[in-house]
């Protein structure tokens, strides 16, 4: 499965470059974001990785063709590199509407595809190639109106050699919807999403269903600065039988666009 997912992402990359060969400048737009969160919950399956405060930051370079690469980092307030609160991720992916790939059919051109691969360097940052996790995903979404979008996707986690999970893997299938609205002349953006997730089990988790959701409010201070006033990720286990319980994480921070 890991090989198939990486192959799918590679195809997206090739299609994106092919569609963009009519030549736009290969100068990426840069985005830097940083938030303070009360704990670290894995967004995919809701497992608690670190139950104390963390600072989580991301640097992303996005190209006109849809390709993007970047780094994501988590740092705990009290300890460094001794638990799952410390993490450094390397990611590459592609995201864009089917129209960006040259598909102009009615009803299809506005379907958005997102696919990528991320290497989670955790725990013990610096053990690249071992004791870590390889993550891959693919998501399809379609707007039904200006404010409402439906989505579905697949996520896969594979433990690297030496990982405490000993070569185990976990897959997640999800279906859901998101909604968003801007108010005060687009100065404030409100957004929410909710997905039903089937977890196949693995990496210390039981198989079964859960709900995961997000709600947040952002203030567009200027064209380049966004204050992420509050964000909440929450998880509701439905049929899994492990240590996961109804839980959530609250965060606040900022985003800079260059």
C-alpha atoms as a PDB file:
ATOM      1  CA  UNK A   1       0.000   0.000   0.000  1.00  0.00           C
ATOM      2  CA  UNK A   2       2.830   2.395   0.825  1.00  0.00           C
ATOM      3  CA  UNK A   3       4.363   1.872  -2.635  1.00  0.00           C
ATOM      4  CA  UNK A   4       1.010   2.388  -4.348  1.00  0.00           C
ATOM      5  CA  UNK A   5       0.354   5.644  -2.509  1.00  0.00           C
ATOM      6  CA  UNK A   6       3.790   7.047  -3.381  1.00  0.00           C
ATOM      7  CA  UNK A   7       3.202   6.038  -7.012  1.00  0.00           C
ATOM      8  CA  UNK A   8      -0.142   7.894  -7.033  1.00  0.00           C
ATOM      9  CA  UNK A   9       1.518  11.046  -5.687  1.00  0.00           C
ATOM     10  CA  UNK A  10       4.273  10.766  -8.310  1.00  0.00           C
ATOM     11  CA  UNK A  11       1.636  10.631 -11.065  1.00  0.00           C
ATOM     12  CA  UNK A  12       0.014  13.804  -9.704  1.00  0.00           C
ATOM     13  CA  UNK A  13       3.405  15.535  -9.730  1.00  0.00           C
ATOM     14  CA  UNK A  14       3.987  14.532 -13.357  1.00  0.00           C
ATOM     15  CA  UNK A  15       0.531  15.673 -14.457  1.00  0.00           C
ATOM     16  CA  UNK A  16       0.948  18.986 -12.661  1.00  0.00           C
ATOM     17  CA  UNK A  17       4.278  19.702 -14.321  1.00  0.00           C
ATOM     18  CA  UNK A  18       2.870  18.692 -17.707  1.00  0.00           C
ATOM     19  CA  UNK A  19      -0.093  21.062 -17.281  1.00  0.00           C
ATOM     20  CA  UNK A  20       2.241  23.869 -16.282  1.00  0.00           C
ATOM     21  CA  UNK A  21       4.758  23.462 -19.090  1.00  0.00           C
ATOM     22  CA  UNK A  22       3.235  26.500 -20.776  1.00  0.00           C
ATOM     23  CA  UNK A  23       5.423  28.263 -18.344  1.00  0.00           C
ATOM     24  CA  UNK A  24       4.755  30.229 -15.295  1.00  0.00           C
ATOM     25  CA  UNK A  25       7.672  31.443 -13.210  1.00  0.00           C
ATOM     26  CA  UNK A  26       8.914  28.730 -10.865  1.00  0.00           C
ATOM     27  CA  UNK A  27       9.003  31.079  -7.910  1.00  0.00           C
ATOM     28  CA  UNK A  28       6.959  29.745  -4.967  1.00  0.00           C
ATOM     29  CA  UNK A  29       4.750  31.690  -2.632  1.00  0.00           C
ATOM     30  CA  UNK A  30       5.870  31.177   0.976  1.00  0.00           C
ATOM     31  CA  UNK A  31       3.669  30.724   4.032  1.00  0.00           C
ATOM     32  CA  UNK A  32       4.854  30.553   7.622  1.00  0.00           C
ATOM     33  CA  UNK A  33       2.488  29.722  10.466  1.00  0.00           C
ATOM     34  CA  UNK A  34       2.922  29.095  14.165  1.00  0.00           C
ATOM     35  CA  UNK A  35       0.417  28.239  16.896  1.00  0.00           C
ATOM     36  CA  UNK A  36       0.467  27.488  20.595  1.00  0.00           C
ATOM     37  CA  UNK A  37      -1.661  24.449  21.484  1.00  0.00           C
ATOM     38  CA  UNK A  38      -2.627  23.058  24.879  1.00  0.00           C
ATOM     39  CA  UNK A  39      -1.550  19.529  23.820  1.00  0.00           C
ATOM     40  CA  UNK A  40      -0.541  17.480  20.804  1.00  0.00           C
ATOM     41  CA  UNK A  41      -3.231  15.225  19.397  1.00  0.00           C
ATOM     42  CA  UNK A  42      -2.522  13.424  16.129  1.00  0.00           C
ATOM     43  CA  UNK A  43      -4.978  15.011  13.690  1.00  0.00           C
ATOM     44  CA  UNK A  44      -5.544  11.775  11.797  1.00  0.00           C
ATOM     45  CA  UNK A  45      -6.662   9.389  14.524  1.00  0.00           C
ATOM     46  CA  UNK A  46      -6.994  11.600  17.605  1.00  0.00           C
ATOM     47  CA  UNK A  47      -4.347   9.752  19.613  1.00  0.00           C
ATOM     48  CA  UNK A  48      -2.627  11.796  22.340  1.00  0.00           C
ATOM     49  CA  UNK A  49       1.049  12.170  21.467  1.00  0.00           C
ATOM     50  CA  UNK A  50       1.888  14.713  24.195  1.00  0.00           C
ATOM     51  CA  UNK A  51      -0.509  15.960  26.883  1.00  0.00           C
ATOM     52  CA  UNK A  52       1.179  19.301  27.657  1.00  0.00           C
ATOM     53  CA  UNK A  53       1.551  22.615  25.823  1.00  0.00           C
ATOM     54  CA  UNK A  54       3.418  22.751  22.511  1.00  0.00           C
ATOM     55  CA  UNK A  55       4.406  25.270  19.844  1.00  0.00           C
ATOM     56  CA  UNK A  56       3.754  23.949  16.341  1.00  0.00           C
ATOM     57  CA  UNK A  57       5.067  25.758  13.260  1.00  0.00           C
ATOM     58  CA  UNK A  58       5.050  25.203   9.502  1.00  0.00           C
ATOM     59  CA  UNK A  59       6.977  26.639   6.541  1.00  0.00           C
ATOM     60  CA  UNK A  60       5.387  25.909   3.164  1.00  0.00           C
ATOM     61  CA  UNK A  61       6.544  26.727  -0.374  1.00  0.00           C
ATOM     62  CA  UNK A  62       3.701  26.508  -2.930  1.00  0.00           C
ATOM     63  CA  UNK A  63       4.288  26.618  -6.691  1.00  0.00           C
ATOM     64  CA  UNK A  64       1.841  27.824  -9.347  1.00  0.00           C
ATOM     65  CA  UNK A  65       1.557  24.302 -10.780  1.00  0.00           C
ATOM     66  CA  UNK A  66       0.119  23.003  -7.501  1.00  0.00           C
ATOM     67  CA  UNK A  67       3.255  21.433  -6.055  1.00  0.00           C
ATOM     68  CA  UNK A  68       4.223  22.344  -2.521  1.00  0.00           C
ATOM     69  CA  UNK A  69       7.018  21.337  -0.148  1.00  0.00           C
ATOM     70  CA  UNK A  70       7.749  22.259   3.412  1.00  0.00           C
ATOM     71  CA  UNK A  71       8.693  21.600   7.002  1.00  0.00           C
ATOM     72  CA  UNK A  72       6.504  21.173  10.090  1.00  0.00           C
ATOM     73  CA  UNK A  73       7.800  21.273  13.660  1.00  0.00           C
ATOM     74  CA  UNK A  74       6.460  20.623  17.149  1.00  0.00           C
ATOM     75  CA  UNK A  75       8.292  21.736  20.293  1.00  0.00           C
ATOM     76  CA  UNK A  76       7.145  21.258  23.881  1.00  0.00           C
ATOM     77  CA  UNK A  77       7.562  24.019  26.447  1.00  0.00           C
ATOM     78  CA  UNK A  78       9.529  21.993  28.998  1.00  0.00           C
ATOM     79  CA  UNK A  79      11.333  19.162  27.219  1.00  0.00           C
ATOM     80  CA  UNK A  80      13.107  18.698  23.910  1.00  0.00           C
ATOM     81  CA  UNK A  81      13.566  15.514  21.965  1.00  0.00           C
ATOM     82  CA  UNK A  82      12.558  13.169  24.761  1.00  0.00           C
ATOM     83  CA  UNK A  83       8.942  12.441  23.780  1.00  0.00           C
ATOM     84  CA  UNK A  84       6.361  12.769  20.987  1.00  0.00           C
ATOM     85  CA  UNK A  85       5.978  16.482  21.737  1.00  0.00           C
ATOM     86  CA  UNK A  86       9.168  17.044  19.714  1.00  0.00           C
ATOM     87  CA  UNK A  87       8.831  16.368  16.010  1.00  0.00           C
ATOM     88  CA  UNK A  88      10.152  17.510  12.630  1.00  0.00           C
ATOM     89  CA  UNK A  89       8.251  16.615   9.457  1.00  0.00           C
ATOM     90  CA  UNK A  90       9.262  16.898   5.798  1.00  0.00           C
ATOM     91  CA  UNK A  91       6.429  16.978   3.272  1.00  0.00           C
ATOM     92  CA  UNK A  92       5.821  17.225  -0.462  1.00  0.00           C
ATOM     93  CA  UNK A  93       2.509  17.200  -2.254  1.00  0.00           C
ATOM     94  CA  UNK A  94       0.229  18.488  -4.972  1.00  0.00           C
ATOM     95  CA  UNK A  95      -3.123  20.210  -4.673  1.00  0.00           C
ATOM     96  CA  UNK A  96      -5.400  21.818  -7.215  1.00  0.00           C
ATOM     97  CA  UNK A  97      -8.628  21.650  -9.179  1.00  0.00           C
ATOM     98  CA  UNK A  98      -8.926  19.199 -12.061  1.00  0.00           C
ATOM     99  CA  UNK A  99      -8.996  22.225 -14.355  1.00  0.00           C
ATOM    100  CA  UNK A 100      -5.321  22.734 -13.469  1.00  0.00           C
ATOM    101  CA  UNK A 101      -4.664  19.327 -15.048  1.00  0.00           C
ATOM    102  CA  UNK A 102      -6.456  20.318 -18.233  1.00  0.00           C
ATOM    103  CA  UNK A 103      -9.828  18.730 -17.355  1.00  0.00           C
ATOM    104  CA  UNK A 104     -12.639  21.109 -18.304  1.00  0.00           C
ATOM    105  CA  UNK A 105     -15.693  18.821 -18.224  1.00  0.00           C
ATOM    106  CA  UNK A 106     -18.779  20.292 -16.583  1.00  0.00           C
ATOM    107  CA  UNK A 107     -19.091  19.154 -12.984  1.00  0.00           C
ATOM    108  CA  UNK A 108     -15.501  17.906 -12.858  1.00  0.00           C
ATOM    109  CA  UNK A 109     -13.286  20.939 -13.370  1.00  0.00           C
ATOM    110  CA  UNK A 110     -13.926  22.297  -9.867  1.00  0.00           C
ATOM    111  CA  UNK A 111     -13.201  18.990  -8.104  1.00  0.00           C
ATOM    112  CA  UNK A 112     -10.079  19.453  -5.992  1.00  0.00           C
ATOM    113  CA  UNK A 113      -7.418  16.762  -5.612  1.00  0.00           C
ATOM    114  CA  UNK A 114      -4.817  16.773  -2.862  1.00  0.00           C
ATOM    115  CA  UNK A 115      -2.110  14.148  -2.441  1.00  0.00           C
ATOM    116  CA  UNK A 116       1.205  14.011  -0.660  1.00  0.00           C
ATOM    117  CA  UNK A 117       3.840  12.198   1.350  1.00  0.00           C
ATOM    118  CA  UNK A 118       5.194  13.269   4.751  1.00  0.00           C
ATOM    119  CA  UNK A 119       8.092  11.874   6.737  1.00  0.00           C
ATOM    120  CA  UNK A 120       7.472  12.164  10.506  1.00  0.00           C
ATOM    121  CA  UNK A 121      10.826  12.376  12.305  1.00  0.00           C
ATOM    122  CA  UNK A 122       9.546  11.285  15.722  1.00  0.00           C
ATOM    123  CA  UNK A 123      10.295  10.469  18.447  1.00  0.00           C
ATOM    124  CA  UNK A 124      13.972  11.427  18.871  1.00  0.00           C
ATOM    125  CA  UNK A 125      14.380  14.018  16.127  1.00  0.00           C
ATOM    126  CA  UNK A 126      17.475  13.279  14.055  1.00  0.00           C
ATOM    127  CA  UNK A 127      16.992   9.511  13.628  1.00  0.00           C
ATOM    128  CA  UNK A 128      16.172   9.996   9.968  1.00  0.00           C
ATOM    129  CA  UNK A 129      15.590   6.646   8.288  1.00  0.00           C
ATOM    130  CA  UNK A 130      14.660   4.791  11.474  1.00  0.00           C
ATOM    131  CA  UNK A 131      12.280   4.969  14.446  1.00  0.00           C
ATOM    132  CA  UNK A 132       9.979   7.215  12.437  1.00  0.00           C
ATOM    133  CA  UNK A 133       6.695   7.158  10.491  1.00  0.00           C
ATOM    134  CA  UNK A 134       5.959   7.623   6.774  1.00  0.00           C
ATOM    135  CA  UNK A 135       2.563   9.179   6.075  1.00  0.00           C
ATOM    136  CA  UNK A 136       0.758   9.459   2.730  1.00  0.00           C
ATOM    137  CA  UNK A 137      -2.675  10.767   1.839  1.00  0.00           C
ATOM    138  CA  UNK A 138      -5.068  11.514  -0.973  1.00  0.00           C
ATOM    139  CA  UNK A 139      -8.222  13.654  -0.698  1.00  0.00           C
ATOM    140  CA  UNK A 140     -10.983  14.594  -3.124  1.00  0.00           C
ATOM    141  CA  UNK A 141     -13.287  17.540  -2.425  1.00  0.00           C
ATOM    142  CA  UNK A 142     -16.016  19.362  -4.321  1.00  0.00           C
ATOM    143  CA  UNK A 143     -17.724  22.659  -3.476  1.00  0.00           C
ATOM    144  CA  UNK A 144     -21.517  22.455  -3.564  1.00  0.00           C
ATOM    145  CA  UNK A 145     -21.922  26.162  -2.920  1.00  0.00           C
ATOM    146  CA  UNK A 146     -19.855  29.191  -2.018  1.00  0.00           C
ATOM    147  CA  UNK A 147     -19.895  28.111   1.618  1.00  0.00           C
ATOM    148  CA  UNK A 148     -20.202  24.294   1.641  1.00  0.00           C
ATOM    149  CA  UNK A 149     -17.813  21.558   0.432  1.00  0.00           C
ATOM    150  CA  UNK A 150     -17.965  17.755   0.590  1.00  0.00           C
ATOM    151  CA  UNK A 151     -14.840  15.583   0.795  1.00  0.00           C
ATOM    152  CA  UNK A 152     -13.521  12.022   0.999  1.00  0.00           C
ATOM    153  CA  UNK A 153     -10.054  10.555   1.306  1.00  0.00           C
ATOM    154  CA  UNK A 154      -7.546   8.003   2.463  1.00  0.00           C
ATOM    155  CA  UNK A 155      -4.574   8.256   4.844  1.00  0.00           C
ATOM    156  CA  UNK A 156      -1.847   5.709   5.527  1.00  0.00           C
ATOM    157  CA  UNK A 157       0.800   5.506   8.261  1.00  0.00           C
ATOM    158  CA  UNK A 158       3.783   3.110   8.003  1.00  0.00           C
ATOM    159  CA  UNK A 159       6.286   2.598  10.840  1.00  0.00           C
ATOM    160  CA  UNK A 160       9.941   2.783   9.787  1.00  0.00           C
ATOM    161  CA  UNK A 161      12.595   0.254  10.925  1.00  0.00           C
ATOM    162  CA  UNK A 162      13.341   0.541  14.626  1.00  0.00           C
ATOM    163  CA  UNK A 163      10.040   2.217  15.408  1.00  0.00           C
ATOM    164  CA  UNK A 164       8.381   1.201  18.682  1.00  0.00           C
ATOM    165  CA  UNK A 165       5.471   0.067  16.500  1.00  0.00           C
ATOM    166  CA  UNK A 166       7.712  -2.575  14.858  1.00  0.00           C
ATOM    167  CA  UNK A 167       6.723  -2.224  11.220  1.00  0.00           C
ATOM    168  CA  UNK A 168       3.009  -1.844  11.868  1.00  0.00           C
ATOM    169  CA  UNK A 169       0.815   0.345   9.683  1.00  0.00           C
ATOM    170  CA  UNK A 170      -2.548   2.069  10.012  1.00  0.00           C
ATOM    171  CA  UNK A 171      -5.033   3.240   7.398  1.00  0.00           C
ATOM    172  CA  UNK A 172      -7.871   5.758   7.724  1.00  0.00           C
ATOM    173  CA  UNK A 173     -10.810   6.258   5.341  1.00  0.00           C
ATOM    174  CA  UNK A 174     -12.869   9.401   5.801  1.00  0.00           C
ATOM    175  CA  UNK A 175     -15.983  11.128   4.420  1.00  0.00           C
ATOM    176  CA  UNK A 176     -17.179  14.529   5.490  1.00  0.00           C
ATOM    177  CA  UNK A 177     -17.966  18.152   4.771  1.00  0.00           C
ATOM    178  CA  UNK A 178     -16.655  21.616   5.541  1.00  0.00           C
ATOM    179  CA  UNK A 179     -18.244  25.044   5.652  1.00  0.00           C
ATOM    180  CA  UNK A 180     -16.844  28.560   5.815  1.00  0.00           C
ATOM    181  CA  UNK A 181     -18.015  32.154   5.783  1.00  0.00           C
ATOM    182  CA  UNK A 182     -16.314  35.553   5.776  1.00  0.00           C
ATOM    183  CA  UNK A 183     -17.815  38.477   7.671  1.00  0.00           C
ATOM    184  CA  UNK A 184     -16.967  42.133   8.333  1.00  0.00           C
ATOM    185  CA  UNK A 185     -15.929  42.734   4.712  1.00  0.00           C
ATOM    186  CA  UNK A 186     -13.834  39.531   4.633  1.00  0.00           C
ATOM    187  CA  UNK A 187     -11.827  40.614   7.667  1.00  0.00           C
ATOM    188  CA  UNK A 188     -12.982  37.640   9.771  1.00  0.00           C
ATOM    189  CA  UNK A 189     -13.208  34.075   8.429  1.00  0.00           C
ATOM    190  CA  UNK A 190     -15.186  31.394  10.232  1.00  0.00           C
ATOM    191  CA  UNK A 191     -14.759  27.737   9.313  1.00  0.00           C
ATOM    192  CA  UNK A 192     -15.749  24.274  10.440  1.00  0.00           C
ATOM    193  CA  UNK A 193     -15.471  20.681   9.226  1.00  0.00           C
ATOM    194  CA  UNK A 194     -16.683  17.255  10.348  1.00  0.00           C
ATOM    195  CA  UNK A 195     -15.700  13.798   9.070  1.00  0.00           C
ATOM    196  CA  UNK A 196     -16.650  10.213   9.798  1.00  0.00           C
ATOM    197  CA  UNK A 197     -13.440   8.148   9.915  1.00  0.00           C
ATOM    198  CA  UNK A 198     -12.908   4.393   9.715  1.00  0.00           C
ATOM    199  CA  UNK A 199      -9.629   3.394  11.374  1.00  0.00           C
ATOM    200  CA  UNK A 200      -8.289  -0.015  10.282  1.00  0.00           C
ATOM    201  CA  UNK A 201      -6.212  -0.216  13.468  1.00  0.00           C
ATOM    202  CA  UNK A 202      -2.467  -0.355  13.972  1.00  0.00           C
ATOM    203  CA  UNK A 203       0.239   1.842  15.524  1.00  0.00           C
ATOM    204  CA  UNK A 204      -1.273   1.107  18.920  1.00  0.00           C
ATOM    205  CA  UNK A 205      -4.858   1.925  17.873  1.00  0.00           C
ATOM    206  CA  UNK A 206      -7.927  -0.300  17.662  1.00  0.00           C
ATOM    207  CA  UNK A 207     -10.047  -0.548  14.508  1.00  0.00           C
ATOM    208  CA  UNK A 208     -13.418   1.156  14.393  1.00  0.00           C
ATOM    209  CA  UNK A 209     -15.249   4.388  13.689  1.00  0.00           C
ATOM    210  CA  UNK A 210     -14.694   7.872  15.064  1.00  0.00           C
ATOM    211  CA  UNK A 211     -15.680  11.429  14.292  1.00  0.00           C
ATOM    212  CA  UNK A 212     -13.127  14.205  13.909  1.00  0.00           C
ATOM    213  CA  UNK A 213     -13.857  17.848  13.446  1.00  0.00           C
ATOM    214  CA  UNK A 214     -12.453  21.354  13.395  1.00  0.00           C
ATOM    215  CA  UNK A 215     -13.769  24.838  14.078  1.00  0.00           C
ATOM    216  CA  UNK A 216     -11.859  28.091  13.908  1.00  0.00           C
ATOM    217  CA  UNK A 217     -11.908  31.856  13.521  1.00  0.00           C
ATOM    218  CA  UNK A 218      -9.229  33.880  11.703  1.00  0.00           C
ATOM    219  CA  UNK A 219      -8.733  37.634  11.476  1.00  0.00           C
ATOM    220  CA  UNK A 220      -7.176  38.902   8.238  1.00  0.00           C
ATOM    221  CA  UNK A 221      -5.042  41.713   9.648  1.00  0.00           C
ATOM    222  CA  UNK A 222      -3.609  42.534   6.216  1.00  0.00           C
ATOM    223  CA  UNK A 223      -2.838  40.909   2.884  1.00  0.00           C
ATOM    224  CA  UNK A 224       0.194  39.210   4.422  1.00  0.00           C
ATOM    225  CA  UNK A 225      -0.756  38.707   8.073  1.00  0.00           C
ATOM    226  CA  UNK A 226      -3.498  36.513   9.554  1.00  0.00           C
ATOM    227  CA  UNK A 227      -4.224  36.192  13.256  1.00  0.00           C
ATOM    228  CA  UNK A 228      -5.478  32.652  13.895  1.00  0.00           C
ATOM    229  CA  UNK A 229      -7.588  33.735  16.848  1.00  0.00           C
ATOM    230  CA  UNK A 230      -8.767  30.292  17.888  1.00  0.00           C
ATOM    231  CA  UNK A 231      -8.822  26.802  16.444  1.00  0.00           C
ATOM    232  CA  UNK A 232     -10.314  23.642  17.928  1.00  0.00           C
ATOM    233  CA  UNK A 233      -9.741  20.064  16.741  1.00  0.00           C
ATOM    234  CA  UNK A 234     -11.976  17.475  18.415  1.00  0.00           C
ATOM    235  CA  UNK A 235     -12.415  13.699  18.325  1.00  0.00           C
ATOM    236  CA  UNK A 236     -15.360  11.464  19.199  1.00  0.00           C
ATOM    237  CA  UNK A 237     -14.615   7.705  19.311  1.00  0.00           C
ATOM    238  CA  UNK A 238     -17.689   5.735  18.230  1.00  0.00           C
ATOM    239  CA  UNK A 239     -16.677   2.077  18.146  1.00  0.00           C
ATOM    240  CA  UNK A 240     -12.947   1.899  18.914  1.00  0.00           C
ATOM    241  CA  UNK A 241     -11.879   0.175  22.130  1.00  0.00           C
ATOM    242  CA  UNK A 242      -8.544   1.656  23.161  1.00  0.00           C
ATOM    243  CA  UNK A 243      -7.242   4.582  25.211  1.00  0.00           C
ATOM    244  CA  UNK A 244      -8.833   7.201  22.928  1.00  0.00           C
ATOM    245  CA  UNK A 245     -11.755   9.126  24.404  1.00  0.00           C
ATOM    246  CA  UNK A 246     -13.760  12.253  23.652  1.00  0.00           C
ATOM    247  CA  UNK A 247     -11.006  14.840  23.414  1.00  0.00           C
ATOM    248  CA  UNK A 248      -9.933  18.072  21.783  1.00  0.00           C
ATOM    249  CA  UNK A 249      -7.083  20.523  21.390  1.00  0.00           C
ATOM    250  CA  UNK A 250      -7.267  24.329  21.384  1.00  0.00           C
ATOM    251  CA  UNK A 251      -4.717  26.488  19.558  1.00  0.00           C
ATOM    252  CA  UNK A 252      -4.022  30.119  18.683  1.00  0.00           C
ATOM    253  CA  UNK A 253      -1.317  31.761  16.572  1.00  0.00           C
ATOM    254  CA  UNK A 254      -0.549  33.591  13.348  1.00  0.00           C
ATOM    255  CA  UNK A 255       0.125  33.045   9.637  1.00  0.00           C
ATOM    256  CA  UNK A 256       2.413  35.096   7.372  1.00  0.00           C
ATOM    257  CA  UNK A 257       2.072  35.067   3.579  1.00  0.00           C
ATOM    258  CA  UNK A 258       4.989  36.189   1.378  1.00  0.00           C
END
